[in-house]
């Protein structure tokens, strides 16, 4: 997302060589949903931690939940 935004505003960046970890991709085979798809952040968090009282789509809250999910996926 950051890479695409920097490209959109034509800001020189060096993100091509950085490793990435996509929590949606890595949780897709673990999180059981009604149909096979990449889980939304809210769905993946609920699967691992139960329903959270979080305002999703709030940048800070999304970062906190993504970090929590990341830590769970790499433990």
C-alpha atoms as a PDB file:
ATOM      1  CA  UNK A   1       0.000   0.000   0.000  1.00  0.00           C
ATOM      2  CA  UNK A   2       2.779   2.398   0.919  1.00  0.00           C
ATOM      3  CA  UNK A   3       4.667   1.583  -2.267  1.00  0.00           C
ATOM      4  CA  UNK A   4       1.597   2.255  -4.424  1.00  0.00           C
ATOM      5  CA  UNK A   5       0.912   5.554  -2.676  1.00  0.00           C
ATOM      6  CA  UNK A   6       4.502   6.716  -3.166  1.00  0.00           C
ATOM      7  CA  UNK A   7       4.275   5.793  -6.849  1.00  0.00           C
ATOM      8  CA  UNK A   8       0.977   7.670  -7.137  1.00  0.00           C
ATOM      9  CA  UNK A   9       2.534  10.906  -5.856  1.00  0.00           C
ATOM     10  CA  UNK A  10       5.690  10.222  -7.877  1.00  0.00           C
ATOM     11  CA  UNK A  11       7.899  10.257  -4.788  1.00  0.00           C
ATOM     12  CA  UNK A  12      11.242   8.505  -5.295  1.00  0.00           C
ATOM     13  CA  UNK A  13      11.392   5.436  -3.087  1.00  0.00           C
ATOM     14  CA  UNK A  14      13.415   2.295  -2.630  1.00  0.00           C
ATOM     15  CA  UNK A  15      10.791  -0.189  -1.465  1.00  0.00           C
ATOM     16  CA  UNK A  16      11.265  -2.679  -4.296  1.00  0.00           C
ATOM     17  CA  UNK A  17      14.009  -4.571  -2.497  1.00  0.00           C
ATOM     18  CA  UNK A  18      12.345  -4.733   0.915  1.00  0.00           C
ATOM     19  CA  UNK A  19      10.834  -7.952   2.209  1.00  0.00           C
ATOM     20  CA  UNK A  20       7.143  -7.899   3.000  1.00  0.00           C
ATOM     21  CA  UNK A  21       4.833  -9.969   5.160  1.00  0.00           C
ATOM     22  CA  UNK A  22       1.181  -9.873   4.170  1.00  0.00           C
ATOM     23  CA  UNK A  23      -0.959 -10.874   7.158  1.00  0.00           C
ATOM     24  CA  UNK A  24      -3.963 -11.473   4.883  1.00  0.00           C
ATOM     25  CA  UNK A  25      -2.002 -13.859   2.680  1.00  0.00           C
ATOM     26  CA  UNK A  26      -0.436 -15.776   5.560  1.00  0.00           C
ATOM     27  CA  UNK A  27      -3.694 -16.107   7.466  1.00  0.00           C
ATOM     28  CA  UNK A  28      -5.753 -17.195   4.421  1.00  0.00           C
ATOM     29  CA  UNK A  29      -5.019 -20.919   4.886  1.00  0.00           C
ATOM     30  CA  UNK A  30      -5.569 -20.773   8.650  1.00  0.00           C
ATOM     31  CA  UNK A  31      -8.676 -18.629   9.098  1.00  0.00           C
ATOM     32  CA  UNK A  32     -11.786 -20.665   8.337  1.00  0.00           C
ATOM     33  CA  UNK A  33     -14.434 -18.638   6.543  1.00  0.00           C
ATOM     34  CA  UNK A  34     -17.662 -19.675   4.830  1.00  0.00           C
ATOM     35  CA  UNK A  35     -16.032 -19.283   1.434  1.00  0.00           C
ATOM     36  CA  UNK A  36     -12.371 -19.490   0.488  1.00  0.00           C
ATOM     37  CA  UNK A  37     -10.981 -15.966   0.319  1.00  0.00           C
ATOM     38  CA  UNK A  38      -8.406 -13.736   1.925  1.00  0.00           C
ATOM     39  CA  UNK A  39      -9.734 -12.743   5.352  1.00  0.00           C
ATOM     40  CA  UNK A  40     -10.309  -9.112   6.201  1.00  0.00           C
ATOM     41  CA  UNK A  41      -8.302  -7.816   9.136  1.00  0.00           C
ATOM     42  CA  UNK A  42     -11.399  -7.944  11.344  1.00  0.00           C
ATOM     43  CA  UNK A  43     -12.087 -11.575  10.368  1.00  0.00           C
ATOM     44  CA  UNK A  44      -8.519 -12.717  11.021  1.00  0.00           C
ATOM     45  CA  UNK A  45      -8.339 -10.940  14.376  1.00  0.00           C
ATOM     46  CA  UNK A  46     -11.698 -12.393  15.426  1.00  0.00           C
ATOM     47  CA  UNK A  47     -10.554 -15.894  14.447  1.00  0.00           C
ATOM     48  CA  UNK A  48      -7.424 -15.749  16.596  1.00  0.00           C
ATOM     49  CA  UNK A  49      -8.510 -13.493  19.463  1.00  0.00           C
ATOM     50  CA  UNK A  50     -12.313 -13.357  19.411  1.00  0.00           C
ATOM     51  CA  UNK A  51     -14.349 -10.290  18.587  1.00  0.00           C
ATOM     52  CA  UNK A  52     -12.476  -7.143  19.587  1.00  0.00           C
ATOM     53  CA  UNK A  53     -13.943  -3.797  20.551  1.00  0.00           C
ATOM     54  CA  UNK A  54     -11.963  -1.933  17.892  1.00  0.00           C
ATOM     55  CA  UNK A  55     -12.818   0.800  15.411  1.00  0.00           C
ATOM     56  CA  UNK A  56     -11.586  -0.884  12.232  1.00  0.00           C
ATOM     57  CA  UNK A  57     -10.582   1.405   9.347  1.00  0.00           C
ATOM     58  CA  UNK A  58      -9.100   3.806  11.885  1.00  0.00           C
ATOM     59  CA  UNK A  59      -5.423   3.975  10.916  1.00  0.00           C
ATOM     60  CA  UNK A  60      -4.003   3.613  14.430  1.00  0.00           C
ATOM     61  CA  UNK A  61      -6.411   0.828  15.393  1.00  0.00           C
ATOM     62  CA  UNK A  62      -5.694  -1.057  12.153  1.00  0.00           C
ATOM     63  CA  UNK A  63      -1.950  -0.838  12.778  1.00  0.00           C
ATOM     64  CA  UNK A  64      -2.376  -2.139  16.341  1.00  0.00           C
ATOM     65  CA  UNK A  65      -4.511  -5.071  15.205  1.00  0.00           C
ATOM     66  CA  UNK A  66      -2.200  -5.848  12.272  1.00  0.00           C
ATOM     67  CA  UNK A  67       0.748  -5.977  14.666  1.00  0.00           C
ATOM     68  CA  UNK A  68      -1.178  -8.249  17.038  1.00  0.00           C
ATOM     69  CA  UNK A  69      -2.062 -10.531  14.121  1.00  0.00           C
ATOM     70  CA  UNK A  70       1.506 -10.469  12.787  1.00  0.00           C
ATOM     71  CA  UNK A  71       2.902 -11.503  16.173  1.00  0.00           C
ATOM     72  CA  UNK A  72       0.424 -14.396  16.331  1.00  0.00           C
ATOM     73  CA  UNK A  73       1.279 -15.597  12.825  1.00  0.00           C
ATOM     74  CA  UNK A  74       5.046 -15.640  13.409  1.00  0.00           C
ATOM     75  CA  UNK A  75       5.063 -17.193  16.907  1.00  0.00           C
END
